[in-house]
Amino acid sequence: MKYQYILDRLPYKSSFRFVDEISFLDPDKVIGHYTLRADAFFYADHFPGNPVTPGAIVTEIMAQIGVVVLGIFLLDDSTESVFPLLTSADVSFLKMVLPGQKVTVISEKVYFRFSKLKCKIVMQDEGGEPIARGVFAGMIIKNRIS
């Protein structure tokens, strides 16, 4: 996979990693994809018999692809690990996300300076219809690998 080195640097374990694939990446934009697993831990209780993806998870998917993936790419130093901190997110939810659904996240950089990245992010369904959109900002803190 072309961007496997970025996926390998994501600081999340499998149950909380919400990036399956990166299809486009440059210094100003990232496009990534994730398919919601029907057996994900959060569906058991949200809502029993009628599972819907929690807004916090939708926000996390957008942040991981739109801020963390782009931030790792912009830091461009494979000798360092990263610790991402989401500092703000202003999200509008337009549609529900259901178990098994594949989503695409498109993030465009607003600015990156002093380790702070701000992006305009939209999540779309497979038909290209918007699910959620927002402006996210985060700090990408580098940690030297010993």
N, C-alpha and C. Protein backbone atom coordinates (compact mmCIF):
# COMPACT_ATOMS: atom_id res chain seq x y z
N MET A 1 0.86 -1.18 0.00
CA MET A 1 0.00 0.00 0.00
C MET A 1 0.90 1.24 0.00
N LYS A 2 0.55 2.20 -0.83
CA LYS A 2 1.38 3.37 -1.05
C LYS A 2 1.68 4.16 0.23
N TYR A 3 0.70 4.30 1.10
CA TYR A 3 0.87 5.12 2.31
C TYR A 3 0.96 4.27 3.57
N GLN A 4 1.43 3.05 3.45
CA GLN A 4 1.51 2.15 4.60
C GLN A 4 2.40 2.74 5.70
N TYR A 5 3.45 3.45 5.34
CA TYR A 5 4.35 4.03 6.34
C TYR A 5 3.61 5.03 7.24
N ILE A 6 2.61 5.71 6.71
CA ILE A 6 1.79 6.62 7.53
C ILE A 6 0.88 5.80 8.45
N LEU A 7 0.22 4.79 7.90
CA LEU A 7 -0.66 3.93 8.70
C LEU A 7 0.11 3.27 9.84
N ASP A 8 1.35 2.87 9.59
CA ASP A 8 2.18 2.24 10.61
C ASP A 8 2.52 3.19 11.75
N ARG A 9 2.47 4.48 11.52
CA ARG A 9 2.84 5.47 12.54
C ARG A 9 1.65 5.98 13.35
N LEU A 10 0.43 5.55 12.98
CA LEU A 10 -0.73 5.98 13.75
C LEU A 10 -0.64 5.44 15.18
N PRO A 11 -0.88 6.30 16.17
CA PRO A 11 -0.67 5.90 17.56
C PRO A 11 -1.90 5.26 18.22
N TYR A 12 -2.64 4.42 17.48
CA TYR A 12 -3.86 3.82 18.00
C TYR A 12 -3.78 2.30 17.91
N LYS A 13 -4.42 1.62 18.85
CA LYS A 13 -4.58 0.16 18.81
C LYS A 13 -5.76 -0.16 17.90
N SER A 14 -5.88 -1.42 17.51
CA SER A 14 -6.87 -1.83 16.51
C SER A 14 -8.31 -1.46 16.84
N SER A 15 -8.75 -1.54 18.10
CA SER A 15 -10.15 -1.25 18.43
C SER A 15 -10.48 0.24 18.37
N PHE A 16 -9.46 1.09 18.31
CA PHE A 16 -9.71 2.53 18.27
C PHE A 16 -8.99 3.19 17.10
N ARG A 17 -8.57 2.41 16.13
CA ARG A 17 -7.96 2.97 14.91
C ARG A 17 -9.03 3.00 13.83
N PHE A 18 -9.34 4.19 13.36
CA PHE A 18 -10.43 4.40 12.42
C PHE A 18 -9.95 4.86 11.05
N VAL A 19 -8.87 4.24 10.58
CA VAL A 19 -8.33 4.53 9.25
C VAL A 19 -8.02 3.19 8.60
N ASP A 20 -8.68 2.88 7.48
CA ASP A 20 -8.38 1.66 6.74
C ASP A 20 -7.44 1.92 5.58
N GLU A 21 -7.61 3.06 4.93
CA GLU A 21 -6.89 3.32 3.69
C GLU A 21 -6.74 4.83 3.48
N ILE A 22 -5.62 5.19 2.88
CA ILE A 22 -5.39 6.57 2.44
C ILE A 22 -5.30 6.51 0.91
N SER A 23 -6.19 7.23 0.23
CA SER A 23 -6.17 7.17 -1.23
C SER A 23 -5.50 8.39 -1.86
N PHE A 24 -5.34 9.48 -1.10
CA PHE A 24 -4.68 10.68 -1.62
C PHE A 24 -4.05 11.40 -0.45
N LEU A 25 -2.84 11.92 -0.67
CA LEU A 25 -2.14 12.64 0.38
C LEU A 25 -1.13 13.57 -0.24
N ASP A 26 -1.24 14.86 0.08
CA ASP A 26 -0.23 15.85 -0.28
C ASP A 26 -0.17 16.87 0.85
N PRO A 27 0.70 17.87 0.79
CA PRO A 27 0.83 18.80 1.92
C PRO A 27 -0.41 19.62 2.24
N ASP A 28 -1.40 19.64 1.36
CA ASP A 28 -2.59 20.44 1.59
C ASP A 28 -3.87 19.65 1.76
N LYS A 29 -3.83 18.32 1.52
CA LYS A 29 -5.07 17.56 1.49
C LYS A 29 -4.83 16.08 1.74
N VAL A 30 -5.80 15.45 2.39
CA VAL A 30 -5.79 14.00 2.56
C VAL A 30 -7.20 13.47 2.29
N ILE A 31 -7.25 12.31 1.66
CA ILE A 31 -8.51 11.58 1.49
C ILE A 31 -8.27 10.18 2.04
N GLY A 32 -9.12 9.79 2.98
CA GLY A 32 -8.99 8.48 3.60
C GLY A 32 -10.34 7.82 3.76
N HIS A 33 -10.29 6.52 4.07
CA HIS A 33 -11.52 5.72 4.12
C HIS A 33 -11.53 4.84 5.35
N TYR A 34 -12.75 4.56 5.82
CA TYR A 34 -12.93 3.65 6.94
C TYR A 34 -14.29 2.98 6.80
N THR A 35 -14.32 1.67 7.06
CA THR A 35 -15.57 0.93 7.08
C THR A 35 -15.90 0.60 8.52
N LEU A 36 -17.06 1.02 8.97
CA LEU A 36 -17.50 0.77 10.34
C LEU A 36 -17.77 -0.72 10.52
N ARG A 37 -17.11 -1.33 11.47
CA ARG A 37 -17.27 -2.77 11.72
C ARG A 37 -18.59 -3.01 12.47
N ALA A 38 -19.40 -3.92 11.98
CA ALA A 38 -20.69 -4.21 12.61
C ALA A 38 -20.53 -4.72 14.04
N ASP A 39 -19.35 -5.30 14.36
CA ASP A 39 -19.11 -5.82 15.71
C ASP A 39 -18.33 -4.84 16.59
N ALA A 40 -18.24 -3.58 16.20
CA ALA A 40 -17.51 -2.58 16.99
C ALA A 40 -18.12 -2.47 18.39
N PHE A 41 -17.26 -2.23 19.38
CA PHE A 41 -17.67 -2.22 20.78
C PHE A 41 -18.81 -1.26 21.09
N PHE A 42 -18.90 -0.15 20.40
CA PHE A 42 -19.88 0.88 20.73
C PHE A 42 -21.29 0.59 20.24
N TYR A 43 -21.46 -0.35 19.32
CA TYR A 43 -22.81 -0.65 18.81
C TYR A 43 -23.66 -1.46 19.78
N ALA A 44 -23.04 -2.20 20.68
CA ALA A 44 -23.80 -3.04 21.61
C ALA A 44 -24.78 -2.21 22.46
N ASP A 45 -24.39 -1.02 22.82
CA ASP A 45 -25.21 -0.19 23.71
C ASP A 45 -25.71 1.10 23.06
N HIS A 46 -25.43 1.30 21.78
CA HIS A 46 -25.81 2.56 21.11
C HIS A 46 -26.47 2.27 19.78
N PHE A 47 -27.58 1.90 19.64
CA PHE A 47 -28.65 1.59 20.56
C PHE A 47 -29.05 0.13 20.35
N PRO A 48 -29.30 -0.64 21.42
CA PRO A 48 -29.63 -2.06 21.29
C PRO A 48 -30.80 -2.28 20.32
N GLY A 49 -30.56 -3.14 19.33
CA GLY A 49 -31.60 -3.43 18.35
C GLY A 49 -31.68 -2.44 17.20
N ASN A 50 -31.04 -1.30 17.34
CA ASN A 50 -31.07 -0.25 16.31
C ASN A 50 -29.74 0.52 16.36
N PRO A 51 -28.62 -0.16 16.07
CA PRO A 51 -27.31 0.47 16.26
C PRO A 51 -27.05 1.64 15.31
N VAL A 52 -26.50 2.70 15.89
CA VAL A 52 -26.13 3.91 15.17
C VAL A 52 -24.75 4.32 15.68
N THR A 53 -23.89 4.79 14.79
CA THR A 53 -22.55 5.23 15.19
C THR A 53 -22.65 6.51 16.03
N PRO A 54 -22.07 6.50 17.23
CA PRO A 54 -22.10 7.71 18.07
C PRO A 54 -21.38 8.89 17.39
N GLY A 55 -21.86 10.08 17.65
CA GLY A 55 -21.24 11.28 17.09
C GLY A 55 -19.78 11.42 17.49
N ALA A 56 -19.45 10.97 18.69
CA ALA A 56 -18.06 11.04 19.13
C ALA A 56 -17.16 10.17 18.25
N ILE A 57 -17.67 9.03 17.78
CA ILE A 57 -16.89 8.16 16.91
C ILE A 57 -16.78 8.77 15.52
N VAL A 58 -17.86 9.35 15.02
CA VAL A 58 -17.81 10.05 13.73
C VAL A 58 -16.75 11.16 13.80
N THR A 59 -16.76 11.91 14.88
CA THR A 59 -15.78 12.98 15.08
C THR A 59 -14.37 12.42 15.13
N GLU A 60 -14.19 11.30 15.82
CA GLU A 60 -12.87 10.67 15.94
C GLU A 60 -12.36 10.18 14.58
N ILE A 61 -13.23 9.60 13.77
CA ILE A 61 -12.83 9.16 12.43
C ILE A 61 -12.34 10.37 11.62
N MET A 62 -13.11 11.45 11.68
CA MET A 62 -12.72 12.66 10.94
C MET A 62 -11.39 13.21 11.44
N ALA A 63 -11.18 13.19 12.75
CA ALA A 63 -9.93 13.71 13.32
C ALA A 63 -8.74 12.83 12.97
N GLN A 64 -8.91 11.50 13.06
CA GLN A 64 -7.79 10.61 12.77
C GLN A 64 -7.33 10.74 11.32
N ILE A 65 -8.27 10.76 10.40
CA ILE A 65 -7.89 10.87 8.99
C ILE A 65 -7.49 12.30 8.65
N GLY A 66 -8.31 13.25 9.07
CA GLY A 66 -8.14 14.63 8.63
C GLY A 66 -7.06 15.42 9.32
N VAL A 67 -6.75 15.08 10.57
CA VAL A 67 -5.74 15.84 11.31
C VAL A 67 -4.50 14.98 11.57
N VAL A 68 -4.68 13.77 12.11
CA VAL A 68 -3.52 12.96 12.50
C VAL A 68 -2.75 12.46 11.28
N VAL A 69 -3.44 11.88 10.29
CA VAL A 69 -2.74 11.40 9.10
C VAL A 69 -2.02 12.55 8.41
N LEU A 70 -2.71 13.66 8.19
CA LEU A 70 -2.08 14.81 7.52
C LEU A 70 -0.93 15.36 8.36
N GLY A 71 -1.12 15.40 9.68
CA GLY A 71 -0.06 15.90 10.56
C GLY A 71 1.20 15.05 10.52
N ILE A 72 1.03 13.74 10.53
CA ILE A 72 2.19 12.84 10.42
C ILE A 72 2.92 13.09 9.11
N PHE A 73 2.17 13.22 8.03
CA PHE A 73 2.77 13.48 6.72
C PHE A 73 3.53 14.82 6.72
N LEU A 74 2.95 15.84 7.31
CA LEU A 74 3.59 17.17 7.31
C LEU A 74 4.84 17.20 8.17
N LEU A 75 4.87 16.42 9.25
CA LEU A 75 6.07 16.37 10.09
C LEU A 75 7.22 15.72 9.35
N ASP A 76 6.92 14.75 8.48
CA ASP A 76 7.89 14.16 7.57
C ASP A 76 9.18 13.73 8.26
N ASP A 77 9.06 12.99 9.37
CA ASP A 77 10.24 12.49 10.07
C ASP A 77 9.94 11.11 10.61
N SER A 78 10.37 10.09 9.91
CA SER A 78 10.03 8.72 10.30
C SER A 78 10.77 8.24 11.55
N THR A 79 11.66 9.06 12.10
CA THR A 79 12.36 8.65 13.32
C THR A 79 11.62 9.11 14.57
N GLU A 80 10.46 9.70 14.41
CA GLU A 80 9.73 10.19 15.56
C GLU A 80 8.32 9.61 15.59
N SER A 81 7.85 9.32 16.80
CA SER A 81 6.46 8.95 16.97
C SER A 81 5.69 10.23 17.29
N VAL A 82 4.38 10.14 17.22
CA VAL A 82 3.58 11.34 17.46
C VAL A 82 2.54 11.07 18.53
N PHE A 83 2.16 12.14 19.20
CA PHE A 83 1.09 12.12 20.19
C PHE A 83 0.14 13.24 19.78
N PRO A 84 -0.99 12.88 19.13
CA PRO A 84 -1.91 13.91 18.65
C PRO A 84 -2.88 14.36 19.74
N LEU A 85 -3.14 15.63 19.79
CA LEU A 85 -4.12 16.20 20.73
C LEU A 85 -5.11 17.04 19.94
N LEU A 86 -6.37 16.67 19.98
CA LEU A 86 -7.40 17.46 19.33
C LEU A 86 -7.69 18.65 20.22
N THR A 87 -7.53 19.86 19.70
CA THR A 87 -7.73 21.04 20.52
C THR A 87 -9.10 21.68 20.30
N SER A 88 -9.69 21.47 19.12
CA SER A 88 -11.04 21.97 18.90
C SER A 88 -11.66 21.28 17.69
N ALA A 89 -12.97 21.15 17.75
CA ALA A 89 -13.72 20.58 16.64
C ALA A 89 -15.11 21.21 16.63
N ASP A 90 -15.47 21.78 15.52
CA ASP A 90 -16.81 22.35 15.32
C ASP A 90 -17.44 21.52 14.21
N VAL A 91 -18.32 20.58 14.58
CA VAL A 91 -18.84 19.61 13.63
C VAL A 91 -20.35 19.75 13.48
N SER A 92 -20.81 19.68 12.24
CA SER A 92 -22.24 19.60 11.94
C SER A 92 -22.51 18.19 11.42
N PHE A 93 -23.47 17.51 12.05
CA PHE A 93 -23.85 16.15 11.65
C PHE A 93 -25.07 16.25 10.74
N LEU A 94 -24.97 15.64 9.55
CA LEU A 94 -26.03 15.76 8.55
C LEU A 94 -26.80 14.46 8.33
N LYS A 95 -26.15 13.32 8.55
CA LYS A 95 -26.78 12.01 8.35
C LYS A 95 -26.23 11.03 9.37
N MET A 96 -26.96 9.94 9.59
CA MET A 96 -26.48 8.88 10.48
C MET A 96 -25.46 8.00 9.75
N VAL A 97 -24.58 7.38 10.54
CA VAL A 97 -23.65 6.38 10.03
C VAL A 97 -24.02 5.06 10.68
N LEU A 98 -24.20 4.04 9.85
CA LEU A 98 -24.68 2.75 10.33
C LEU A 98 -23.58 1.69 10.30
N PRO A 99 -23.75 0.61 11.06
CA PRO A 99 -22.76 -0.47 11.03
C PRO A 99 -22.57 -0.99 9.62
N GLY A 100 -21.31 -1.26 9.26
CA GLY A 100 -20.98 -1.79 7.94
C GLY A 100 -20.80 -0.73 6.87
N GLN A 101 -21.12 0.51 7.17
CA GLN A 101 -21.03 1.58 6.18
C GLN A 101 -19.58 2.01 5.97
N LYS A 102 -19.22 2.22 4.71
CA LYS A 102 -17.89 2.76 4.37
C LYS A 102 -18.02 4.27 4.22
N VAL A 103 -17.12 4.99 4.87
CA VAL A 103 -17.11 6.45 4.78
C VAL A 103 -15.79 6.92 4.20
N THR A 104 -15.85 8.09 3.58
CA THR A 104 -14.67 8.75 3.04
C THR A 104 -14.53 10.09 3.74
N VAL A 105 -13.31 10.40 4.17
CA VAL A 105 -13.02 11.68 4.83
C VAL A 105 -12.08 12.46 3.93
N ILE A 106 -12.46 13.71 3.66
CA ILE A 106 -11.65 14.62 2.86
C ILE A 106 -11.29 15.81 3.74
N SER A 107 -10.00 16.03 3.89
CA SER A 107 -9.52 17.11 4.75
C SER A 107 -8.63 18.05 3.95
N GLU A 108 -8.89 19.34 4.09
CA GLU A 108 -8.05 20.36 3.45
C GLU A 108 -7.43 21.24 4.51
N LYS A 109 -6.12 21.37 4.43
CA LYS A 109 -5.36 22.16 5.40
C LYS A 109 -5.75 23.63 5.31
N VAL A 110 -6.01 24.23 6.46
CA VAL A 110 -6.19 25.68 6.57
C VAL A 110 -4.83 26.29 6.91
N TYR A 111 -4.16 25.73 7.94
CA TYR A 111 -2.79 26.13 8.25
C TYR A 111 -2.11 25.07 9.09
N PHE A 112 -0.77 25.09 9.05
CA PHE A 112 0.06 24.24 9.89
C PHE A 112 1.26 25.06 10.32
N ARG A 113 1.30 25.43 11.57
CA ARG A 113 2.44 26.18 12.10
C ARG A 113 2.57 25.93 13.60
N PHE A 114 3.80 25.93 14.07
CA PHE A 114 4.11 25.68 15.47
C PHE A 114 3.44 24.39 15.97
N SER A 115 3.47 23.36 15.14
CA SER A 115 2.90 22.04 15.43
C SER A 115 1.38 22.03 15.56
N LYS A 116 0.71 23.11 15.22
CA LYS A 116 -0.74 23.16 15.26
C LYS A 116 -1.29 23.09 13.83
N LEU A 117 -2.20 22.14 13.63
CA LEU A 117 -2.80 21.92 12.32
C LEU A 117 -4.29 22.22 12.40
N LYS A 118 -4.77 23.03 11.47
CA LYS A 118 -6.20 23.34 11.38
C LYS A 118 -6.67 22.93 9.99
N CYS A 119 -7.82 22.22 9.94
CA CYS A 119 -8.32 21.68 8.67
C CYS A 119 -9.83 21.84 8.56
N LYS A 120 -10.30 21.96 7.33
CA LYS A 120 -11.72 21.83 7.01
C LYS A 120 -11.92 20.39 6.57
N ILE A 121 -12.87 19.70 7.20
CA ILE A 121 -13.03 18.28 6.98
C ILE A 121 -14.49 17.95 6.66
N VAL A 122 -14.68 17.08 5.69
CA VAL A 122 -16.01 16.56 5.38
C VAL A 122 -15.95 15.04 5.33
N MET A 123 -16.97 14.40 5.89
CA MET A 123 -17.14 12.95 5.79
C MET A 123 -18.28 12.71 4.82
N GLN A 124 -18.05 11.77 3.87
CA GLN A 124 -19.07 11.44 2.87
C GLN A 124 -19.41 9.96 2.90
N ASP A 125 -20.62 9.63 2.43
CA ASP A 125 -20.98 8.23 2.26
C ASP A 125 -20.47 7.75 0.91
N GLU A 126 -20.73 6.50 0.57
CA GLU A 126 -20.22 5.93 -0.67
C GLU A 126 -20.78 6.61 -1.92
N GLY A 127 -21.91 7.27 -1.79
CA GLY A 127 -22.49 8.01 -2.91
C GLY A 127 -22.00 9.43 -3.03
N GLY A 128 -21.08 9.83 -2.14
CA GLY A 128 -20.53 11.18 -2.17
C GLY A 128 -21.39 12.21 -1.44
N GLU A 129 -22.43 11.75 -0.75
CA GLU A 129 -23.28 12.67 0.02
C GLU A 129 -22.62 12.97 1.36
N PRO A 130 -22.65 14.24 1.79
CA PRO A 130 -22.03 14.59 3.07
C PRO A 130 -22.78 13.98 4.26
N ILE A 131 -22.01 13.46 5.19
CA ILE A 131 -22.52 12.91 6.44
C ILE A 131 -22.29 13.91 7.57
N ALA A 132 -21.09 14.49 7.59
CA ALA A 132 -20.71 15.47 8.61
C ALA A 132 -19.64 16.37 8.01
N ARG A 133 -19.56 17.57 8.54
CA ARG A 133 -18.51 18.50 8.12
C ARG A 133 -18.12 19.37 9.30
N GLY A 134 -16.90 19.88 9.25
CA GLY A 134 -16.47 20.72 10.35
C GLY A 134 -15.08 21.27 10.17
N VAL A 135 -14.68 22.05 11.15
CA VAL A 135 -13.34 22.60 11.22
C VAL A 135 -12.69 22.02 12.47
N PHE A 136 -11.53 21.41 12.29
CA PHE A 136 -10.81 20.74 13.37
C PHE A 136 -9.45 21.39 13.54
N ALA A 137 -8.97 21.41 14.76
CA ALA A 137 -7.60 21.85 15.03
C ALA A 137 -6.99 20.90 16.04
N GLY A 138 -5.70 20.69 15.90
CA GLY A 138 -5.01 19.80 16.82
C GLY A 138 -3.53 20.09 16.87
N MET A 139 -2.92 19.64 17.93
CA MET A 139 -1.48 19.72 18.10
C MET A 139 -0.89 18.36 17.79
N ILE A 140 0.17 18.35 17.00
CA ILE A 140 0.87 17.11 16.68
C ILE A 140 2.22 17.19 17.38
N ILE A 141 2.33 16.49 18.50
CA ILE A 141 3.53 16.56 19.34
C ILE A 141 4.44 15.40 18.99
N LYS A 142 5.71 15.69 18.73
CA LYS A 142 6.68 14.67 18.38
C LYS A 142 7.30 14.06 19.62
N ASN A 143 7.49 12.74 19.57
CA ASN A 143 8.19 12.00 20.62
C ASN A 143 9.31 11.22 19.97
N ARG A 144 10.53 11.45 20.35
CA ARG A 144 11.66 10.71 19.79
C ARG A 144 11.56 9.24 20.12
N ILE A 145 11.80 8.38 19.12
CA ILE A 145 11.84 6.94 19.34
C ILE A 145 13.26 6.60 19.81
N SER A 146 13.34 5.90 20.93
CA SER A 146 14.66 5.57 21.47
C SER A 146 15.25 4.38 20.79
